[in-house]
Amino acid sequence: MTKVNMINNGNKITLIVALLCVSLVHAGVYMGLTAAGSSQQIVMQEGDASMLTMHNVQLAGIIDEAEGNAEDSAVEAEAVESEVVEEVIEEVNNEATPEPEVIPEPEVVPEPKVEPEPVVTPEPIKEAPPVIATNERSETKAAKVVENRPKQAPKKAAPKAVKKPQKAAESVRSVQSAKAVYSESEVNVLSKPTPNYPRAARQRKMQGQVDLIVSINSDGAAQNVRVARSSGHDLLDKAAVKAAQGIRLKPYRINGVATPIQVKIQYLFKM
């Protein structure tokens, strides 16, 4: 569009310049006629007429040329305008019509072939032949039963009794002796602490005898104490158990081996 405007502006300038030139020529002729004498006016009029005619012809040629140039420029302007319009249309079409996106086709995953399960044909059941009862077959069966009986194995001699070693017998004796409960007279008591008579028991005048079973280890120390017979008062029983935990005996030996034993200990609470 800018090219067309520039061409039109150039044509207008050419026409204006031509008109200015013609007007200047006419002004010069007019001034010459007024300055000359009357005698010369007739001659000048004839010369001027011819000159005017020439100027008019020149002006007409200039006007025709300007009109032709205007027409040519108009045609050129139209051609340029059409080219510009076509370029603009092509650009708009190129921008308006984007290239189509290529969508990749999805991969076709073949389905796994399902193998048919083998058909198991059951084996035909063979029917047993019918049994015919005859004397011959019963005899043969009896003979087979007699033959199939296992032969009696010869009797083996009874194994001789193996004597157990003496150490095993001694260990059994020591276990049996450990299970037995000894009295104080059967063991060697090294120390037997006297129980503390509880003050509350004295105030309530509690009395009684407590029988205890004390487990003595192989070193002769008290390991466990339990009440075999209560005095009837919990305070007295607890005092007796506490005292028995400090009992110390000489290790009890069986066949020279120190053995853990159980001893019966008695405590009497009397005011």
C-alpha atoms as a PDB file:
ATOM      1  CA  MET A   1       0.000   0.000   0.000  1.00  0.00           C
ATOM      2  CA  THR A   2       2.893   2.470   0.660  1.00  0.00           C
ATOM      3  CA  LYS A   3       4.282   1.934  -2.879  1.00  0.00           C
ATOM      4  CA  VAL A   4       0.911   2.932  -4.462  1.00  0.00           C
ATOM      5  CA  ASN A   5       0.700   6.100  -2.373  1.00  0.00           C
ATOM      6  CA  MET A   6       4.220   7.133  -3.384  1.00  0.00           C
ATOM      7  CA  ILE A   7       3.416   6.721  -7.125  1.00  0.00           C
ATOM      8  CA  ASN A   8       0.196   8.799  -6.864  1.00  0.00           C
ATOM      9  CA  ASN A   9       2.023  11.579  -5.010  1.00  0.00           C
ATOM     10  CA  GLY A  10       4.700  11.700  -7.783  1.00  0.00           C
ATOM     11  CA  ASN A  11       2.066  12.114 -10.541  1.00  0.00           C
ATOM     12  CA  LYS A  12       0.384  14.966  -8.686  1.00  0.00           C
ATOM     13  CA  ILE A  13       3.709  16.793  -8.336  1.00  0.00           C
ATOM     14  CA  THR A  14       4.377  16.477 -12.121  1.00  0.00           C
ATOM     15  CA  LEU A  15       0.987  18.027 -13.011  1.00  0.00           C
ATOM     16  CA  ILE A  16       1.504  20.912 -10.611  1.00  0.00           C
ATOM     17  CA  VAL A  17       4.966  21.687 -12.073  1.00  0.00           C
ATOM     18  CA  ALA A  18       3.563  21.669 -15.668  1.00  0.00           C
ATOM     19  CA  LEU A  19       0.741  24.056 -14.770  1.00  0.00           C
ATOM     20  CA  LEU A  20       3.191  26.411 -13.076  1.00  0.00           C
ATOM     21  CA  CYS A  21       5.401  26.475 -16.183  1.00  0.00           C
ATOM     22  CA  VAL A  22       2.462  27.300 -18.486  1.00  0.00           C
ATOM     23  CA  SER A  23       1.229  30.076 -16.222  1.00  0.00           C
ATOM     24  CA  LEU A  24       4.701  31.615 -16.138  1.00  0.00           C
ATOM     25  CA  VAL A  25       4.899  31.618 -19.948  1.00  0.00           C
ATOM     26  CA  HIS A  26       1.529  33.348 -20.269  1.00  0.00           C
ATOM     27  CA  ALA A  27       2.534  35.955 -17.725  1.00  0.00           C
ATOM     28  CA  GLY A  28       5.717  36.748 -19.688  1.00  0.00           C
ATOM     29  CA  VAL A  29       3.830  37.152 -22.943  1.00  0.00           C
ATOM     30  CA  TYR A  30       1.302  39.443 -21.369  1.00  0.00           C
ATOM     31  CA  MET A  31       3.967  41.705 -19.954  1.00  0.00           C
ATOM     32  CA  GLY A  32       5.761  41.902 -23.316  1.00  0.00           C
ATOM     33  CA  LEU A  33       2.618  42.987 -25.091  1.00  0.00           C
ATOM     34  CA  THR A  34       1.917  45.786 -22.675  1.00  0.00           C
ATOM     35  CA  ALA A  35       5.499  47.139 -22.851  1.00  0.00           C
ATOM     36  CA  ALA A  36       5.734  47.365 -26.711  1.00  0.00           C
ATOM     37  CA  GLY A  37       4.141  50.099 -28.792  1.00  0.00           C
ATOM     38  CA  SER A  38       0.889  49.986 -30.620  1.00  0.00           C
ATOM     39  CA  SER A  39       2.676  49.535 -33.922  1.00  0.00           C
ATOM     40  CA  GLN A  40       4.332  46.567 -32.701  1.00  0.00           C
ATOM     41  CA  GLN A  41       1.213  45.155 -31.057  1.00  0.00           C
ATOM     42  CA  ILE A  42      -0.187  43.874 -34.342  1.00  0.00           C
ATOM     43  CA  VAL A  43       3.051  42.098 -35.239  1.00  0.00           C
ATOM     44  CA  MET A  44       3.425  40.824 -31.722  1.00  0.00           C
ATOM     45  CA  GLN A  45      -0.151  39.674 -31.639  1.00  0.00           C
ATOM     46  CA  GLU A  46       0.434  37.510 -34.687  1.00  0.00           C
ATOM     47  CA  GLY A  47       3.732  36.193 -33.248  1.00  0.00           C
ATOM     48  CA  ASP A  48       2.211  35.803 -29.890  1.00  0.00           C
ATOM     49  CA  ALA A  49      -0.721  33.954 -31.308  1.00  0.00           C
ATOM     50  CA  SER A  50       1.598  31.484 -32.912  1.00  0.00           C
ATOM     51  CA  MET A  51       3.606  31.264 -29.747  1.00  0.00           C
ATOM     52  CA  LEU A  52       0.456  30.742 -27.717  1.00  0.00           C
ATOM     53  CA  THR A  53      -0.568  28.048 -30.089  1.00  0.00           C
ATOM     54  CA  MET A  54       2.807  26.366 -29.641  1.00  0.00           C
ATOM     55  CA  HIS A  55       2.604  26.718 -25.898  1.00  0.00           C
ATOM     56  CA  ASN A  56      -0.890  25.292 -25.894  1.00  0.00           C
ATOM     57  CA  VAL A  57       0.312  22.394 -27.989  1.00  0.00           C
ATOM     58  CA  GLN A  58       3.233  21.837 -25.649  1.00  0.00           C
ATOM     59  CA  LEU A  59       0.919  22.121 -22.659  1.00  0.00           C
ATOM     60  CA  ALA A  60      -1.484  19.662 -24.218  1.00  0.00           C
ATOM     61  CA  GLY A  61       1.416  17.264 -24.834  1.00  0.00           C
ATOM     62  CA  ILE A  62       2.607  17.678 -21.295  1.00  0.00           C
ATOM     63  CA  ILE A  63      -0.924  17.106 -19.997  1.00  0.00           C
ATOM     64  CA  ASP A  64      -1.355  14.060 -22.227  1.00  0.00           C
ATOM     65  CA  GLU A  65       2.001  12.738 -21.118  1.00  0.00           C
ATOM     66  CA  ALA A  66       1.086  13.377 -17.505  1.00  0.00           C
ATOM     67  CA  GLU A  67      -2.262  11.672 -17.985  1.00  0.00           C
ATOM     68  CA  GLY A  68      -0.522   8.745 -19.686  1.00  0.00           C
ATOM     69  CA  ASN A  69       1.994   8.558 -16.924  1.00  0.00           C
ATOM     70  CA  ALA A  70      -0.853   8.768 -14.441  1.00  0.00           C
ATOM     71  CA  GLU A  71      -2.657   5.953 -16.203  1.00  0.00           C
ATOM     72  CA  ASP A  72       0.551   3.902 -16.379  1.00  0.00           C
ATOM     73  CA  SER A  73       1.284   4.634 -12.764  1.00  0.00           C
ATOM     74  CA  ALA A  74      -2.284   3.697 -11.846  1.00  0.00           C
ATOM     75  CA  VAL A  75      -1.903   0.419 -13.725  1.00  0.00           C
ATOM     76  CA  GLU A  76       1.466  -0.163 -12.076  1.00  0.00           C
ATOM     77  CA  ALA A  77      -0.036   0.780  -8.726  1.00  0.00           C
ATOM     78  CA  GLU A  78      -2.878  -1.676  -9.251  1.00  0.00           C
ATOM     79  CA  ALA A  79      -0.387  -4.392 -10.218  1.00  0.00           C
ATOM     80  CA  VAL A  80       1.796  -3.612  -7.220  1.00  0.00           C
ATOM     81  CA  GLU A  81      -1.253  -3.460  -4.992  1.00  0.00           C
ATOM     82  CA  SER A  82      -2.477  -6.822  -6.302  1.00  0.00           C
ATOM     83  CA  GLU A  83       0.997  -8.313  -5.715  1.00  0.00           C
ATOM     84  CA  VAL A  84       1.075  -6.900  -2.178  1.00  0.00           C
ATOM     85  CA  VAL A  85      -2.427  -8.204  -1.512  1.00  0.00           C
ATOM     86  CA  GLU A  86      -1.458 -11.643  -2.836  1.00  0.00           C
ATOM     87  CA  GLU A  87       1.663 -11.701  -0.620  1.00  0.00           C
ATOM     88  CA  VAL A  88      -0.400 -10.659   2.409  1.00  0.00           C
ATOM     89  CA  ILE A  89      -3.004 -13.333   1.601  1.00  0.00           C
ATOM     90  CA  GLU A  90      -0.273 -15.968   1.228  1.00  0.00           C
ATOM     91  CA  GLU A  91       1.277 -14.949   4.564  1.00  0.00           C
ATOM     92  CA  VAL A  92      -2.130 -15.017   6.264  1.00  0.00           C
ATOM     93  CA  ASN A  93      -2.887 -18.422   4.749  1.00  0.00           C
ATOM     94  CA  ASN A  94       0.505 -19.738   5.826  1.00  0.00           C
ATOM     95  CA  GLU A  95      -0.071 -18.491   9.370  1.00  0.00           C
ATOM     96  CA  ALA A  96      -3.715 -19.605   9.494  1.00  0.00           C
ATOM     97  CA  THR A  97      -3.114 -23.094   8.186  1.00  0.00           C
ATOM     98  CA  PRO A  98      -0.607 -24.793  10.537  1.00  0.00           C
ATOM     99  CA  GLU A  99       0.967 -27.994   9.516  1.00  0.00           C
ATOM    100  CA  PRO A 100      -1.068 -30.978  10.692  1.00  0.00           C
ATOM    101  CA  GLU A 101       0.469 -32.856  13.583  1.00  0.00           C
ATOM    102  CA  VAL A 102       1.519 -36.359  12.809  1.00  0.00           C
ATOM    103  CA  ILE A 103      -0.146 -38.622  15.368  1.00  0.00           C
ATOM    104  CA  PRO A 104       1.819 -41.849  15.740  1.00  0.00           C
ATOM    105  CA  GLU A 105      -0.251 -44.922  15.320  1.00  0.00           C
ATOM    106  CA  PRO A 106      -0.489 -47.065  18.482  1.00  0.00           C
ATOM    107  CA  GLU A 107       1.496 -50.218  18.446  1.00  0.00           C
ATOM    108  CA  VAL A 108      -0.643 -53.265  18.142  1.00  0.00           C
ATOM    109  CA  VAL A 109       0.398 -55.799  20.766  1.00  0.00           C
ATOM    110  CA  PRO A 110      -0.434 -59.277  19.600  1.00  0.00           C
ATOM    111  CA  GLU A 111      -2.525 -61.214  22.057  1.00  0.00           C
ATOM    112  CA  PRO A 112      -0.782 -64.271  23.473  1.00  0.00           C
ATOM    113  CA  LYS A 113      -1.988 -67.470  22.049  1.00  0.00           C
ATOM    114  CA  VAL A 114      -3.864 -69.542  24.554  1.00  0.00           C
ATOM    115  CA  GLU A 115      -2.862 -73.109  24.188  1.00  0.00           C
ATOM    116  CA  PRO A 116      -5.759 -75.469  24.668  1.00  0.00           C
ATOM    117  CA  GLU A 117      -5.526 -77.644  27.729  1.00  0.00           C
ATOM    118  CA  PRO A 118      -4.830 -81.259  26.906  1.00  0.00           C
ATOM    119  CA  VAL A 119      -7.871 -83.415  27.227  1.00  0.00           C
ATOM    120  CA  VAL A 120      -7.229 -86.283  29.573  1.00  0.00           C
ATOM    121  CA  THR A 121      -8.997 -89.337  28.368  1.00  0.00           C
ATOM    122  CA  PRO A 122      -9.666 -91.745  31.222  1.00  0.00           C
ATOM    123  CA  GLU A 123      -8.341 -95.212  30.735  1.00  0.00           C
ATOM    124  CA  PRO A 124     -11.013 -97.797  30.251  1.00  0.00           C
ATOM    125  CA  ILE A 125     -11.691 -99.810  33.366  1.00  0.00           C
ATOM    126  CA  LYS A 126     -10.935-103.400  32.760  1.00  0.00           C
ATOM    127  CA  GLU A 127     -13.539-105.636  34.211  1.00  0.00           C
ATOM    128  CA  ALA A 128     -12.198-108.518  36.221  1.00  0.00           C
ATOM    129  CA  PRO A 129     -13.034-111.888  34.770  1.00  0.00           C
ATOM    130  CA  PRO A 130     -15.725-113.734  36.629  1.00  0.00           C
ATOM    131  CA  VAL A 131     -14.481-116.037  39.382  1.00  0.00           C
ATOM    132  CA  ILE A 132     -15.449-119.672  38.895  1.00  0.00           C
ATOM    133  CA  ALA A 133     -15.408-121.694  42.087  1.00  0.00           C
ATOM    134  CA  THR A 134     -13.620-125.023  41.528  1.00  0.00           C
ATOM    135  CA  ASN A 135     -11.964-127.508  43.815  1.00  0.00           C
ATOM    136  CA  GLU A 136      -8.685-127.346  41.917  1.00  0.00           C
ATOM    137  CA  ARG A 137      -8.231-123.643  42.454  1.00  0.00           C
ATOM    138  CA  SER A 138      -9.006-123.900  46.155  1.00  0.00           C
ATOM    139  CA  GLU A 139      -6.355-126.576  46.479  1.00  0.00           C
ATOM    140  CA  THR A 140      -3.773-124.492  44.653  1.00  0.00           C
ATOM    141  CA  LYS A 141      -4.590-121.478  46.870  1.00  0.00           C
ATOM    142  CA  ALA A 142      -4.134-123.544  49.997  1.00  0.00           C
ATOM    143  CA  ALA A 143      -0.789-124.767  48.715  1.00  0.00           C
ATOM    144  CA  LYS A 144       0.336-121.196  47.959  1.00  0.00           C
ATOM    145  CA  VAL A 145      -0.665-120.042  51.434  1.00  0.00           C
ATOM    146  CA  VAL A 146       1.410-122.794  52.972  1.00  0.00           C
ATOM    147  CA  GLU A 147       4.387-121.893  50.796  1.00  0.00           C
ATOM    148  CA  ASN A 148       4.105-118.170  51.528  1.00  0.00           C
ATOM    149  CA  ARG A 149       4.281-118.614  55.283  1.00  0.00           C
ATOM    150  CA  PRO A 150       7.561-117.144  56.557  1.00  0.00           C
ATOM    151  CA  LYS A 151      10.089-119.441  58.009  1.00  0.00           C
ATOM    152  CA  GLN A 152      10.581-119.136  61.722  1.00  0.00           C
ATOM    153  CA  ALA A 153      13.858-117.473  62.565  1.00  0.00           C
ATOM    154  CA  PRO A 154      16.081-119.260  65.058  1.00  0.00           C
ATOM    155  CA  LYS A 155      15.800-117.981  68.562  1.00  0.00           C
ATOM    156  CA  LYS A 156      18.626-115.745  69.613  1.00  0.00           C
ATOM    157  CA  ALA A 157      20.292-116.190  72.933  1.00  0.00           C
ATOM    158  CA  ALA A 158      19.251-113.642  75.533  1.00  0.00           C
ATOM    159  CA  PRO A 159      21.901-110.955  76.004  1.00  0.00           C
ATOM    160  CA  LYS A 160      23.804-111.110  79.178  1.00  0.00           C
ATOM    161  CA  ALA A 161      23.072-108.456  81.733  1.00  0.00           C
ATOM    162  CA  VAL A 162      25.659-105.716  81.564  1.00  0.00           C
ATOM    163  CA  LYS A 163      26.813-104.543  84.916  1.00  0.00           C
ATOM    164  CA  LYS A 164      26.380-100.826  85.441  1.00  0.00           C
ATOM    165  CA  PRO A 165      29.465 -98.960  86.493  1.00  0.00           C
ATOM    166  CA  GLN A 166      29.880 -98.156  90.117  1.00  0.00           C
ATOM    167  CA  LYS A 167      29.874 -94.399  89.499  1.00  0.00           C
ATOM    168  CA  ALA A 168      26.372 -94.508  88.048  1.00  0.00           C
ATOM    169  CA  ALA A 169      25.111 -96.338  91.119  1.00  0.00           C
ATOM    170  CA  GLU A 170      26.741 -93.799  93.376  1.00  0.00           C
ATOM    171  CA  SER A 171      25.126 -90.897  91.464  1.00  0.00           C
ATOM    172  CA  VAL A 172      21.716 -92.566  91.830  1.00  0.00           C
ATOM    173  CA  ARG A 173      22.285 -92.939  95.550  1.00  0.00           C
ATOM    174  CA  SER A 174      23.324 -89.326  95.864  1.00  0.00           C
ATOM    175  CA  VAL A 175      20.153 -88.195  94.072  1.00  0.00           C
ATOM    176  CA  GLN A 176      18.021 -90.381  96.313  1.00  0.00           C
ATOM    177  CA  SER A 177      19.757 -89.026  99.396  1.00  0.00           C
ATOM    178  CA  ALA A 178      19.283 -85.451  98.175  1.00  0.00           C
ATOM    179  CA  LYS A 179      15.548 -86.027  97.923  1.00  0.00           C
ATOM    180  CA  ALA A 180      15.382 -87.225 101.532  1.00  0.00           C
ATOM    181  CA  VAL A 181      14.832 -84.739 104.389  1.00  0.00           C
ATOM    182  CA  TYR A 182      17.388 -84.878 107.163  1.00  0.00           C
ATOM    183  CA  SER A 183      16.922 -83.778 110.773  1.00  0.00           C
ATOM    184  CA  GLU A 184      19.271 -81.410 112.562  1.00  0.00           C
ATOM    185  CA  SER A 185      20.814 -84.326 114.480  1.00  0.00           C
ATOM    186  CA  GLU A 186      21.852 -86.049 111.213  1.00  0.00           C
ATOM    187  CA  VAL A 187      23.853 -83.123 109.882  1.00  0.00           C
ATOM    188  CA  ASN A 188      26.633 -80.917 111.187  1.00  0.00           C
ATOM    189  CA  VAL A 189      25.157 -77.457 111.789  1.00  0.00           C
ATOM    190  CA  LEU A 190      27.844 -74.787 111.742  1.00  0.00           C
ATOM    191  CA  SER A 191      25.585 -71.771 112.397  1.00  0.00           C
ATOM    192  CA  LYS A 192      21.889 -71.334 113.108  1.00  0.00           C
ATOM    193  CA  PRO A 193      20.812 -67.697 113.534  1.00  0.00           C
ATOM    194  CA  THR A 194      18.203 -66.980 116.215  1.00  0.00           C
ATOM    195  CA  PRO A 195      15.048 -65.365 114.803  1.00  0.00           C
ATOM    196  CA  ASN A 196      14.044 -61.873 115.892  1.00  0.00           C
ATOM    197  CA  TYR A 197      10.883 -61.916 117.975  1.00  0.00           C
ATOM    198  CA  PRO A 198       8.662 -59.286 116.343  1.00  0.00           C
ATOM    199  CA  ARG A 199       7.574 -56.470 118.693  1.00  0.00           C
ATOM    200  CA  ALA A 200       4.011 -56.545 117.373  1.00  0.00           C
ATOM    201  CA  ALA A 201       3.876 -60.293 118.080  1.00  0.00           C
ATOM    202  CA  ARG A 202       5.060 -59.682 121.658  1.00  0.00           C
ATOM    203  CA  GLN A 203       2.453 -57.002 122.200  1.00  0.00           C
ATOM    204  CA  ARG A 204      -0.227 -59.372 120.988  1.00  0.00           C
ATOM    205  CA  LYS A 205       1.351 -62.232 122.959  1.00  0.00           C
ATOM    206  CA  MET A 206       1.772 -64.450 119.882  1.00  0.00           C
ATOM    207  CA  GLN A 207       3.491 -67.812 120.465  1.00  0.00           C
ATOM    208  CA  GLY A 208       4.061 -70.964 118.447  1.00  0.00           C
ATOM    209  CA  GLN A 209       6.475 -73.342 116.715  1.00  0.00           C
ATOM    210  CA  VAL A 210       7.482 -73.067 113.017  1.00  0.00           C
ATOM    211  CA  ASP A 211       8.802 -76.101 111.098  1.00  0.00           C
ATOM    212  CA  LEU A 212      10.887 -75.214 108.011  1.00  0.00           C
ATOM    213  CA  ILE A 213      12.443 -77.252 105.177  1.00  0.00           C
ATOM    214  CA  VAL A 214      15.761 -75.714 104.173  1.00  0.00           C
ATOM    215  CA  SER A 215      17.474 -76.721 100.901  1.00  0.00           C
ATOM    216  CA  ILE A 216      21.253 -76.840 101.396  1.00  0.00           C
ATOM    217  CA  ASN A 217      23.564 -76.761  98.364  1.00  0.00           C
ATOM    218  CA  SER A 218      26.802 -78.728  98.007  1.00  0.00           C
ATOM    219  CA  ASP A 219      28.708 -75.893  99.716  1.00  0.00           C
ATOM    220  CA  GLY A 220      26.512 -76.162 102.849  1.00  0.00           C
ATOM    221  CA  ALA A 221      24.698 -72.798 102.382  1.00  0.00           C
ATOM    222  CA  ALA A 222      20.927 -72.342 102.547  1.00  0.00           C
ATOM    223  CA  GLN A 223      19.499 -72.034  99.029  1.00  0.00           C
ATOM    224  CA  ASN A 224      15.741 -72.166  99.561  1.00  0.00           C
ATOM    225  CA  VAL A 225      13.431 -72.027 102.636  1.00  0.00           C
ATOM    226  CA  ARG A 226       9.776 -73.023 102.806  1.00  0.00           C
ATOM    227  CA  VAL A 227       7.290 -73.397 105.692  1.00  0.00           C
ATOM    228  CA  ALA A 228       6.430 -77.040 106.383  1.00  0.00           C
ATOM    229  CA  ARG A 229       4.142 -76.249 109.378  1.00  0.00           C
ATOM    230  CA  SER A 230       2.978 -72.774 110.340  1.00  0.00           C
ATOM    231  CA  SER A 231       2.855 -71.376 113.854  1.00  0.00           C
ATOM    232  CA  GLY A 232      -0.541 -69.881 113.125  1.00  0.00           C
ATOM    233  CA  HIS A 233       0.862 -66.355 113.006  1.00  0.00           C
ATOM    234  CA  ASP A 234       2.216 -64.806 109.824  1.00  0.00           C
ATOM    235  CA  LEU A 235       4.579 -62.517 111.745  1.00  0.00           C
ATOM    236  CA  LEU A 236       6.279 -65.474 113.462  1.00  0.00           C
ATOM    237  CA  ASP A 237       6.509 -67.500 110.215  1.00  0.00           C
ATOM    238  CA  LYS A 238       8.233 -64.629 108.352  1.00  0.00           C
ATOM    239  CA  ALA A 239      10.684 -64.104 111.205  1.00  0.00           C
ATOM    240  CA  ALA A 240      11.601 -67.834 111.184  1.00  0.00           C
ATOM    241  CA  VAL A 241      12.115 -67.912 107.381  1.00  0.00           C
ATOM    242  CA  LYS A 242      14.367 -64.842 107.539  1.00  0.00           C
ATOM    243  CA  ALA A 243      16.525 -66.439 110.239  1.00  0.00           C
ATOM    244  CA  ALA A 244      16.772 -69.815 108.405  1.00  0.00           C
ATOM    245  CA  GLN A 245      18.217 -68.114 105.291  1.00  0.00           C
ATOM    246  CA  GLY A 246      21.430 -67.582 107.264  1.00  0.00           C
ATOM    247  CA  ILE A 247      21.907 -71.266 108.268  1.00  0.00           C
ATOM    248  CA  ARG A 248      25.307 -72.757 107.430  1.00  0.00           C
ATOM    249  CA  LEU A 249      26.066 -76.516 107.427  1.00  0.00           C
ATOM    250  CA  LYS A 250      29.116 -78.583 106.789  1.00  0.00           C
ATOM    251  CA  PRO A 251      28.849 -79.970 103.228  1.00  0.00           C
ATOM    252  CA  TYR A 252      27.121 -83.318 103.305  1.00  0.00           C
ATOM    253  CA  ARG A 253      29.179 -85.969 101.512  1.00  0.00           C
ATOM    254  CA  ILE A 254      28.060 -89.281 100.082  1.00  0.00           C
ATOM    255  CA  ASN A 255      30.903 -91.596  99.053  1.00  0.00           C
ATOM    256  CA  GLY A 256      33.236 -88.626  99.348  1.00  0.00           C
ATOM    257  CA  VAL A 257      31.136 -86.383  97.073  1.00  0.00           C
ATOM    258  CA  ALA A 258      29.523 -83.180  98.437  1.00  0.00           C
ATOM    259  CA  THR A 259      25.791 -83.467  97.800  1.00  0.00           C
ATOM    260  CA  PRO A 260      22.924 -80.959  98.189  1.00  0.00           C
ATOM    261  CA  ILE A 261      20.355 -82.045 100.794  1.00  0.00           C
ATOM    262  CA  GLN A 262      17.203 -80.877 102.586  1.00  0.00           C
ATOM    263  CA  VAL A 263      17.145 -80.320 106.356  1.00  0.00           C
ATOM    264  CA  LYS A 264      14.195 -79.837 108.707  1.00  0.00           C
ATOM    265  CA  ILE A 265      14.700 -76.840 111.014  1.00  0.00           C
ATOM    266  CA  GLN A 266      12.411 -75.860 113.916  1.00  0.00           C
ATOM    267  CA  TYR A 267      11.982 -72.472 115.627  1.00  0.00           C
ATOM    268  CA  LEU A 268       9.994 -72.006 118.861  1.00  0.00           C
ATOM    269  CA  PHE A 269       8.534 -68.619 119.764  1.00  0.00           C
ATOM    270  CA  LYS A 270       7.636 -68.494 123.484  1.00  0.00           C
ATOM    271  CA  MET A 271       7.281 -65.621 125.881  1.00  0.00           C
END
